[in-house]
Amino acid sequence: MPDKALNEKSVLDVLNRILEIELAGVVRYAHYSLMVFGHARIPIVSWMRTQASEGLTHALQAGEHITSMGGHPSLRIGKLLETQRHDIDQILREAMEHEQEGVEAYRKLLELVRDRDIMLEEYARRMVHDEEIHISEIEKMLRRPGKLETAR
């Protein structure tokens, strides 16, 4: 029978990593929204700014879980990639990499809390769901009009 004890240090480490990733997302999406040009600018900028706002909400949620467990939220920020390539497809591919990094972190959290902490398990599941929806949206934006095949 598996050990049902929660490894709080590992959970706090992953929650802090999530906090850092989400804060990096705020900066990334805000920056990306400033670098979009062309006839599709308005809806893409709007979507990116919504993602930046949502990233801040997600970061605060992770921080609340950290402090609820008696931990200290990190002041670091996750990896920020600046390729100096600002065409929309490249920006969206960078955004997809960021979202995939987030999914991996939330899946790691899920692995640590599964059958050990219902609140954190439900939080991790919901966040994996939300981040995978973002990946799906980005994949669809990367498709050429009229094509059903994925852009991967």
N, C-alpha and C. Protein backbone atom coordinates (compact mmCIF):
# COMPACT_ATOMS: atom_id res chain seq x y z
N MET A 1 0.84 -1.19 0.00
CA MET A 1 0.00 0.00 0.00
C MET A 1 0.89 1.25 0.00
N PRO A 2 0.63 2.23 -0.88
CA PRO A 2 1.47 3.41 -0.97
C PRO A 2 1.34 4.30 0.27
N ASP A 3 2.41 5.02 0.56
CA ASP A 3 2.43 5.97 1.67
C ASP A 3 1.48 7.12 1.33
N LYS A 4 0.55 7.41 2.22
CA LYS A 4 -0.45 8.46 1.95
C LYS A 4 -0.05 9.81 2.55
N ALA A 5 1.14 9.91 3.16
CA ALA A 5 1.56 11.18 3.75
C ALA A 5 1.94 12.17 2.66
N LEU A 6 1.59 13.41 2.88
CA LEU A 6 1.91 14.47 1.94
C LEU A 6 3.32 14.96 2.21
N ASN A 7 4.14 15.00 1.18
CA ASN A 7 5.49 15.54 1.30
C ASN A 7 5.38 17.05 1.11
N GLU A 8 5.19 17.77 2.22
CA GLU A 8 4.92 19.21 2.14
C GLU A 8 6.04 19.99 1.50
N LYS A 9 7.28 19.63 1.75
CA LYS A 9 8.40 20.36 1.15
C LYS A 9 8.35 20.24 -0.37
N SER A 10 8.13 19.03 -0.87
CA SER A 10 8.05 18.84 -2.33
C SER A 10 6.87 19.60 -2.92
N VAL A 11 5.74 19.56 -2.23
CA VAL A 11 4.55 20.28 -2.70
C VAL A 11 4.82 21.78 -2.74
N LEU A 12 5.43 22.31 -1.68
CA LEU A 12 5.75 23.74 -1.64
C LEU A 12 6.74 24.11 -2.74
N ASP A 13 7.71 23.25 -2.99
CA ASP A 13 8.67 23.51 -4.07
C ASP A 13 7.96 23.61 -5.42
N VAL A 14 7.04 22.68 -5.68
CA VAL A 14 6.33 22.70 -6.96
C VAL A 14 5.38 23.89 -7.02
N LEU A 15 4.70 24.20 -5.94
CA LEU A 15 3.82 25.37 -5.93
C LEU A 15 4.62 26.65 -6.20
N ASN A 16 5.81 26.76 -5.63
CA ASN A 16 6.64 27.94 -5.90
C ASN A 16 7.10 27.96 -7.35
N ARG A 17 7.39 26.80 -7.91
CA ARG A 17 7.75 26.74 -9.34
C ARG A 17 6.56 27.20 -10.18
N ILE A 18 5.36 26.76 -9.82
CA ILE A 18 4.14 27.18 -10.52
C ILE A 18 3.98 28.70 -10.41
N LEU A 19 4.17 29.24 -9.22
CA LEU A 19 4.07 30.69 -9.01
C LEU A 19 5.03 31.42 -9.95
N GLU A 20 6.26 30.94 -10.03
CA GLU A 20 7.26 31.57 -10.89
C GLU A 20 6.89 31.45 -12.37
N ILE A 21 6.40 30.30 -12.78
CA ILE A 21 5.99 30.09 -14.17
C ILE A 21 4.84 31.03 -14.52
N GLU A 22 3.86 31.11 -13.63
CA GLU A 22 2.69 31.96 -13.91
C GLU A 22 3.08 33.44 -13.96
N LEU A 23 3.99 33.87 -13.09
CA LEU A 23 4.44 35.27 -13.14
C LEU A 23 5.21 35.53 -14.43
N ALA A 24 6.00 34.57 -14.87
CA ALA A 24 6.68 34.72 -16.15
C ALA A 24 5.66 34.84 -17.28
N GLY A 25 4.56 34.12 -17.16
CA GLY A 25 3.50 34.20 -18.16
C GLY A 25 2.89 35.59 -18.24
N VAL A 26 2.75 36.24 -17.09
CA VAL A 26 2.22 37.61 -17.09
C VAL A 26 3.13 38.51 -17.93
N VAL A 27 4.43 38.41 -17.67
CA VAL A 27 5.39 39.25 -18.39
C VAL A 27 5.42 38.88 -19.87
N ARG A 28 5.47 37.59 -20.16
CA ARG A 28 5.53 37.13 -21.55
C ARG A 28 4.33 37.63 -22.35
N TYR A 29 3.12 37.34 -21.83
CA TYR A 29 1.93 37.70 -22.60
C TYR A 29 1.78 39.21 -22.73
N ALA A 30 2.16 39.97 -21.70
CA ALA A 30 2.10 41.43 -21.81
C ALA A 30 3.07 41.89 -22.91
N HIS A 31 4.28 41.34 -22.90
CA HIS A 31 5.27 41.69 -23.92
C HIS A 31 4.78 41.28 -25.31
N TYR A 32 4.32 40.05 -25.42
CA TYR A 32 3.84 39.58 -26.72
C TYR A 32 2.74 40.48 -27.25
N SER A 33 1.84 40.92 -26.37
CA SER A 33 0.71 41.73 -26.82
C SER A 33 1.18 43.06 -27.41
N LEU A 34 2.35 43.52 -26.98
CA LEU A 34 2.89 44.76 -27.52
C LEU A 34 3.59 44.56 -28.86
N MET A 35 3.92 43.32 -29.18
CA MET A 35 4.73 43.02 -30.36
C MET A 35 3.92 42.44 -31.52
N VAL A 36 2.60 42.41 -31.40
CA VAL A 36 1.77 41.86 -32.47
C VAL A 36 1.36 43.00 -33.41
N PHE A 37 1.61 42.77 -34.70
CA PHE A 37 1.25 43.74 -35.72
C PHE A 37 0.50 43.02 -36.84
N GLY A 38 -0.17 43.76 -37.65
CA GLY A 38 -0.86 43.17 -38.79
C GLY A 38 -2.37 43.19 -38.61
N HIS A 39 -3.05 42.66 -39.62
CA HIS A 39 -4.51 42.75 -39.66
C HIS A 39 -5.20 41.92 -38.57
N ALA A 40 -4.51 40.98 -37.97
CA ALA A 40 -5.13 40.17 -36.90
C ALA A 40 -4.77 40.69 -35.51
N ARG A 41 -4.18 41.87 -35.44
CA ARG A 41 -3.65 42.39 -34.18
C ARG A 41 -4.70 42.48 -33.06
N ILE A 42 -5.82 43.07 -33.32
CA ILE A 42 -6.77 43.37 -32.25
C ILE A 42 -7.24 42.12 -31.50
N PRO A 43 -7.74 41.08 -32.17
CA PRO A 43 -8.18 39.92 -31.40
C PRO A 43 -7.03 39.17 -30.72
N ILE A 44 -5.86 39.13 -31.34
CA ILE A 44 -4.72 38.42 -30.73
C ILE A 44 -4.21 39.19 -29.51
N VAL A 45 -4.12 40.50 -29.62
CA VAL A 45 -3.69 41.32 -28.48
C VAL A 45 -4.68 41.15 -27.33
N SER A 46 -5.95 41.18 -27.63
CA SER A 46 -6.97 41.00 -26.59
C SER A 46 -6.81 39.65 -25.91
N TRP A 47 -6.62 38.59 -26.68
CA TRP A 47 -6.44 37.24 -26.12
C TRP A 47 -5.20 37.20 -25.24
N MET A 48 -4.10 37.80 -25.71
CA MET A 48 -2.85 37.76 -24.94
C MET A 48 -2.97 38.54 -23.64
N ARG A 49 -3.64 39.65 -23.66
CA ARG A 49 -3.81 40.43 -22.43
C ARG A 49 -4.72 39.70 -21.45
N THR A 50 -5.69 38.97 -21.97
CA THR A 50 -6.51 38.13 -21.10
C THR A 50 -5.65 37.04 -20.46
N GLN A 51 -4.73 36.46 -21.25
CA GLN A 51 -3.82 35.43 -20.70
C GLN A 51 -2.91 36.02 -19.63
N ALA A 52 -2.45 37.25 -19.83
CA ALA A 52 -1.60 37.90 -18.83
C ALA A 52 -2.38 38.09 -17.52
N SER A 53 -3.61 38.54 -17.62
CA SER A 53 -4.44 38.72 -16.43
C SER A 53 -4.71 37.39 -15.74
N GLU A 54 -5.00 36.38 -16.54
CA GLU A 54 -5.26 35.05 -15.99
C GLU A 54 -4.00 34.49 -15.32
N GLY A 55 -2.83 34.76 -15.90
CA GLY A 55 -1.58 34.32 -15.29
C GLY A 55 -1.38 34.91 -13.92
N LEU A 56 -1.74 36.18 -13.75
CA LEU A 56 -1.63 36.80 -12.43
C LEU A 56 -2.59 36.14 -11.44
N THR A 57 -3.80 35.86 -11.90
CA THR A 57 -4.76 35.16 -11.04
C THR A 57 -4.22 33.79 -10.64
N HIS A 58 -3.65 33.07 -11.58
CA HIS A 58 -3.08 31.74 -11.29
C HIS A 58 -1.90 31.85 -10.33
N ALA A 59 -1.06 32.85 -10.52
CA ALA A 59 0.08 33.05 -9.61
C ALA A 59 -0.41 33.32 -8.19
N LEU A 60 -1.42 34.15 -8.07
CA LEU A 60 -1.96 34.46 -6.74
C LEU A 60 -2.59 33.23 -6.09
N GLN A 61 -3.26 32.40 -6.89
CA GLN A 61 -3.83 31.16 -6.35
C GLN A 61 -2.73 30.25 -5.81
N ALA A 62 -1.65 30.09 -6.57
CA ALA A 62 -0.53 29.27 -6.12
C ALA A 62 0.05 29.85 -4.83
N GLY A 63 0.20 31.17 -4.80
CA GLY A 63 0.72 31.83 -3.60
C GLY A 63 -0.17 31.62 -2.39
N GLU A 64 -1.47 31.65 -2.59
CA GLU A 64 -2.40 31.40 -1.48
C GLU A 64 -2.24 29.97 -0.96
N HIS A 65 -2.07 29.02 -1.86
CA HIS A 65 -1.85 27.63 -1.41
C HIS A 65 -0.54 27.53 -0.63
N ILE A 66 0.48 28.22 -1.11
CA ILE A 66 1.79 28.20 -0.43
C ILE A 66 1.65 28.73 0.99
N THR A 67 1.02 29.90 1.14
CA THR A 67 0.91 30.49 2.48
C THR A 67 -0.06 29.71 3.36
N SER A 68 -1.06 29.07 2.78
CA SER A 68 -1.96 28.22 3.57
C SER A 68 -1.21 27.05 4.19
N MET A 69 -0.16 26.61 3.50
CA MET A 69 0.64 25.49 4.00
C MET A 69 1.79 25.96 4.89
N GLY A 70 1.86 27.25 5.15
CA GLY A 70 2.92 27.78 6.00
C GLY A 70 4.21 28.06 5.26
N GLY A 71 4.14 28.07 3.93
CA GLY A 71 5.33 28.32 3.12
C GLY A 71 5.49 29.79 2.79
N HIS A 72 6.62 30.10 2.17
CA HIS A 72 6.94 31.46 1.77
C HIS A 72 6.95 31.55 0.25
N PRO A 73 6.09 32.38 -0.34
CA PRO A 73 6.04 32.49 -1.80
C PRO A 73 7.35 33.05 -2.36
N SER A 74 7.77 32.48 -3.44
CA SER A 74 9.00 32.90 -4.11
C SER A 74 8.85 34.30 -4.69
N LEU A 75 9.96 35.03 -4.70
CA LEU A 75 10.00 36.33 -5.37
C LEU A 75 10.66 36.22 -6.74
N ARG A 76 11.03 35.01 -7.11
CA ARG A 76 11.64 34.81 -8.42
C ARG A 76 10.57 34.74 -9.50
N ILE A 77 11.03 34.85 -10.70
CA ILE A 77 10.14 34.75 -11.86
C ILE A 77 10.71 33.65 -12.75
N GLY A 78 9.83 32.93 -13.42
CA GLY A 78 10.26 31.84 -14.28
C GLY A 78 11.03 32.34 -15.50
N LYS A 79 11.43 31.39 -16.31
CA LYS A 79 12.22 31.65 -17.50
C LYS A 79 11.50 32.59 -18.45
N LEU A 80 12.23 33.60 -18.90
CA LEU A 80 11.71 34.53 -19.90
C LEU A 80 12.55 34.36 -21.16
N LEU A 81 11.91 33.99 -22.23
CA LEU A 81 12.58 33.74 -23.50
C LEU A 81 12.38 34.94 -24.40
N GLU A 82 13.45 35.47 -24.92
CA GLU A 82 13.36 36.57 -25.88
C GLU A 82 14.17 36.19 -27.10
N THR A 83 13.47 35.76 -28.13
CA THR A 83 14.16 35.30 -29.34
C THR A 83 14.41 36.43 -30.32
N GLN A 84 13.81 37.58 -30.06
CA GLN A 84 13.87 38.72 -30.98
C GLN A 84 13.15 38.42 -32.30
N ARG A 85 12.40 37.32 -32.35
CA ARG A 85 11.59 36.99 -33.52
C ARG A 85 10.15 37.27 -33.15
N HIS A 86 9.56 38.24 -33.80
CA HIS A 86 8.25 38.70 -33.37
C HIS A 86 7.13 38.47 -34.38
N ASP A 87 7.31 37.51 -35.28
CA ASP A 87 6.16 37.21 -36.13
C ASP A 87 5.16 36.43 -35.27
N ILE A 88 3.90 36.53 -35.62
CA ILE A 88 2.84 35.96 -34.79
C ILE A 88 3.02 34.46 -34.57
N ASP A 89 3.39 33.72 -35.60
CA ASP A 89 3.59 32.28 -35.43
C ASP A 89 4.67 31.99 -34.39
N GLN A 90 5.79 32.71 -34.44
CA GLN A 90 6.86 32.48 -33.48
C GLN A 90 6.41 32.83 -32.06
N ILE A 91 5.71 33.94 -31.93
CA ILE A 91 5.19 34.33 -30.62
C ILE A 91 4.27 33.24 -30.08
N LEU A 92 3.39 32.73 -30.93
CA LEU A 92 2.46 31.68 -30.49
C LEU A 92 3.19 30.39 -30.14
N ARG A 93 4.24 30.06 -30.86
CA ARG A 93 5.03 28.86 -30.53
C ARG A 93 5.74 29.02 -29.18
N GLU A 94 6.26 30.21 -28.92
CA GLU A 94 6.86 30.48 -27.61
C GLU A 94 5.80 30.39 -26.52
N ALA A 95 4.62 30.92 -26.79
CA ALA A 95 3.53 30.85 -25.82
C ALA A 95 3.16 29.39 -25.56
N MET A 96 3.15 28.57 -26.59
CA MET A 96 2.82 27.16 -26.42
C MET A 96 3.86 26.47 -25.53
N GLU A 97 5.14 26.76 -25.75
CA GLU A 97 6.19 26.19 -24.90
C GLU A 97 5.96 26.57 -23.44
N HIS A 98 5.61 27.82 -23.22
CA HIS A 98 5.33 28.29 -21.86
C HIS A 98 4.15 27.53 -21.26
N GLU A 99 3.08 27.38 -22.01
CA GLU A 99 1.90 26.67 -21.50
C GLU A 99 2.22 25.21 -21.21
N GLN A 100 3.03 24.60 -22.04
CA GLN A 100 3.42 23.20 -21.81
C GLN A 100 4.26 23.07 -20.54
N GLU A 101 5.11 24.05 -20.28
CA GLU A 101 5.88 24.05 -19.04
C GLU A 101 4.94 24.12 -17.83
N GLY A 102 3.90 24.94 -17.95
CA GLY A 102 2.92 25.04 -16.88
C GLY A 102 2.18 23.73 -16.67
N VAL A 103 1.76 23.08 -17.74
CA VAL A 103 1.07 21.79 -17.62
C VAL A 103 1.96 20.78 -16.91
N GLU A 104 3.23 20.74 -17.27
CA GLU A 104 4.15 19.80 -16.62
C GLU A 104 4.23 20.06 -15.11
N ALA A 105 4.29 21.32 -14.73
CA ALA A 105 4.37 21.66 -13.30
C ALA A 105 3.09 21.27 -12.57
N TYR A 106 1.95 21.57 -13.17
CA TYR A 106 0.68 21.20 -12.54
C TYR A 106 0.52 19.68 -12.48
N ARG A 107 0.99 18.96 -13.49
CA ARG A 107 0.93 17.50 -13.45
C ARG A 107 1.84 16.95 -12.34
N LYS A 108 2.98 17.58 -12.14
CA LYS A 108 3.89 17.18 -11.05
C LYS A 108 3.20 17.40 -9.70
N LEU A 109 2.52 18.53 -9.57
CA LEU A 109 1.77 18.79 -8.34
C LEU A 109 0.69 17.72 -8.15
N LEU A 110 -0.03 17.41 -9.21
CA LEU A 110 -1.07 16.38 -9.14
C LEU A 110 -0.50 15.05 -8.67
N GLU A 111 0.65 14.70 -9.21
CA GLU A 111 1.31 13.46 -8.82
C GLU A 111 1.64 13.45 -7.32
N LEU A 112 2.07 14.59 -6.79
CA LEU A 112 2.47 14.68 -5.38
C LEU A 112 1.27 14.64 -4.41
N VAL A 113 0.13 15.17 -4.87
CA VAL A 113 -0.99 15.32 -3.94
C VAL A 113 -2.10 14.30 -4.16
N ARG A 114 -2.04 13.54 -5.25
CA ARG A 114 -3.10 12.58 -5.57
C ARG A 114 -3.35 11.65 -4.39
N ASP A 115 -4.61 11.56 -3.98
CA ASP A 115 -5.06 10.72 -2.87
C ASP A 115 -4.44 11.12 -1.53
N ARG A 116 -3.88 12.33 -1.46
CA ARG A 116 -3.28 12.81 -0.21
C ARG A 116 -3.92 14.12 0.27
N ASP A 117 -4.36 14.96 -0.67
CA ASP A 117 -4.94 16.26 -0.32
C ASP A 117 -5.97 16.59 -1.40
N ILE A 118 -7.24 16.46 -1.06
CA ILE A 118 -8.32 16.63 -2.04
C ILE A 118 -8.33 18.05 -2.60
N MET A 119 -8.16 19.05 -1.75
CA MET A 119 -8.21 20.43 -2.23
C MET A 119 -7.11 20.69 -3.26
N LEU A 120 -5.88 20.30 -2.95
CA LEU A 120 -4.79 20.51 -3.88
C LEU A 120 -4.91 19.62 -5.12
N GLU A 121 -5.47 18.43 -4.94
CA GLU A 121 -5.67 17.54 -6.09
C GLU A 121 -6.67 18.16 -7.06
N GLU A 122 -7.77 18.67 -6.54
CA GLU A 122 -8.77 19.31 -7.41
C GLU A 122 -8.21 20.57 -8.06
N TYR A 123 -7.44 21.34 -7.30
CA TYR A 123 -6.79 22.54 -7.86
C TYR A 123 -5.87 22.14 -9.02
N ALA A 124 -5.02 21.14 -8.80
CA ALA A 124 -4.07 20.71 -9.83
C ALA A 124 -4.81 20.21 -11.06
N ARG A 125 -5.86 19.42 -10.87
CA ARG A 125 -6.64 18.92 -12.01
C ARG A 125 -7.26 20.07 -12.80
N ARG A 126 -7.85 21.02 -12.10
CA ARG A 126 -8.49 22.15 -12.77
C ARG A 126 -7.46 22.96 -13.56
N MET A 127 -6.28 23.12 -12.99
CA MET A 127 -5.25 23.91 -13.66
C MET A 127 -4.69 23.17 -14.88
N VAL A 128 -4.51 21.87 -14.78
CA VAL A 128 -4.09 21.09 -15.95
C VAL A 128 -5.14 21.27 -17.05
N HIS A 129 -6.39 21.16 -16.69
CA HIS A 129 -7.49 21.36 -17.64
C HIS A 129 -7.39 22.73 -18.30
N ASP A 130 -7.26 23.78 -17.49
CA ASP A 130 -7.22 25.14 -18.02
C ASP A 130 -6.02 25.35 -18.93
N GLU A 131 -4.86 24.87 -18.52
CA GLU A 131 -3.64 25.06 -19.32
C GLU A 131 -3.72 24.25 -20.63
N GLU A 132 -4.32 23.08 -20.58
CA GLU A 132 -4.46 22.29 -21.81
C GLU A 132 -5.44 22.95 -22.78
N ILE A 133 -6.43 23.65 -22.26
CA ILE A 133 -7.33 24.43 -23.13
C ILE A 133 -6.53 25.53 -23.82
N HIS A 134 -5.64 26.20 -23.07
CA HIS A 134 -4.81 27.24 -23.68
C HIS A 134 -3.95 26.67 -24.82
N ILE A 135 -3.37 25.50 -24.58
CA ILE A 135 -2.55 24.85 -25.62
C ILE A 135 -3.41 24.56 -26.84
N SER A 136 -4.61 24.07 -26.63
CA SER A 136 -5.51 23.78 -27.73
C SER A 136 -5.85 25.06 -28.51
N GLU A 137 -6.08 26.15 -27.79
CA GLU A 137 -6.37 27.42 -28.46
C GLU A 137 -5.19 27.89 -29.30
N ILE A 138 -4.00 27.76 -28.75
CA ILE A 138 -2.80 28.19 -29.49
C ILE A 138 -2.61 27.32 -30.72
N GLU A 139 -2.80 26.00 -30.56
CA GLU A 139 -2.67 25.10 -31.72
C GLU A 139 -3.64 25.52 -32.83
N LYS A 140 -4.85 25.87 -32.47
CA LYS A 140 -5.83 26.28 -33.48
C LYS A 140 -5.42 27.60 -34.13
N MET A 141 -4.85 28.52 -33.35
CA MET A 141 -4.40 29.78 -33.93
C MET A 141 -3.24 29.57 -34.89
N LEU A 142 -2.46 28.54 -34.67
CA LEU A 142 -1.31 28.25 -35.54
C LEU A 142 -1.72 27.55 -36.84
N ARG A 143 -2.92 27.03 -36.91
CA ARG A 143 -3.38 26.37 -38.13
C ARG A 143 -3.64 27.40 -39.21
N ARG A 144 -3.43 26.98 -40.42
CA ARG A 144 -3.75 27.84 -41.56
C ARG A 144 -5.26 27.77 -41.79
N PRO A 145 -5.86 28.88 -42.17
CA PRO A 145 -7.31 28.86 -42.44
C PRO A 145 -7.68 27.75 -43.42
N GLY A 146 -8.73 27.03 -43.08
CA GLY A 146 -9.23 25.96 -43.92
C GLY A 146 -8.58 24.61 -43.67
N LYS A 147 -7.57 24.55 -42.80
CA LYS A 147 -6.88 23.29 -42.50
C LYS A 147 -7.37 22.72 -41.17
N LEU A 148 -7.69 21.44 -41.18
CA LEU A 148 -8.12 20.79 -39.96
C LEU A 148 -6.96 20.13 -39.22
N GLU A 149 -5.87 19.85 -39.94
CA GLU A 149 -4.73 19.17 -39.31
C GLU A 149 -4.11 20.08 -38.25
N THR A 150 -3.62 19.47 -37.17
CA THR A 150 -2.97 20.26 -36.13
C THR A 150 -1.66 20.84 -36.64
N ALA A 151 -1.21 21.88 -35.99
CA ALA A 151 -0.01 22.60 -36.41
C ALA A 151 1.27 21.98 -35.83
N ARG A 152 1.16 20.94 -35.06
CA ARG A 152 2.35 20.35 -34.41
C ARG A 152 3.30 19.76 -35.39
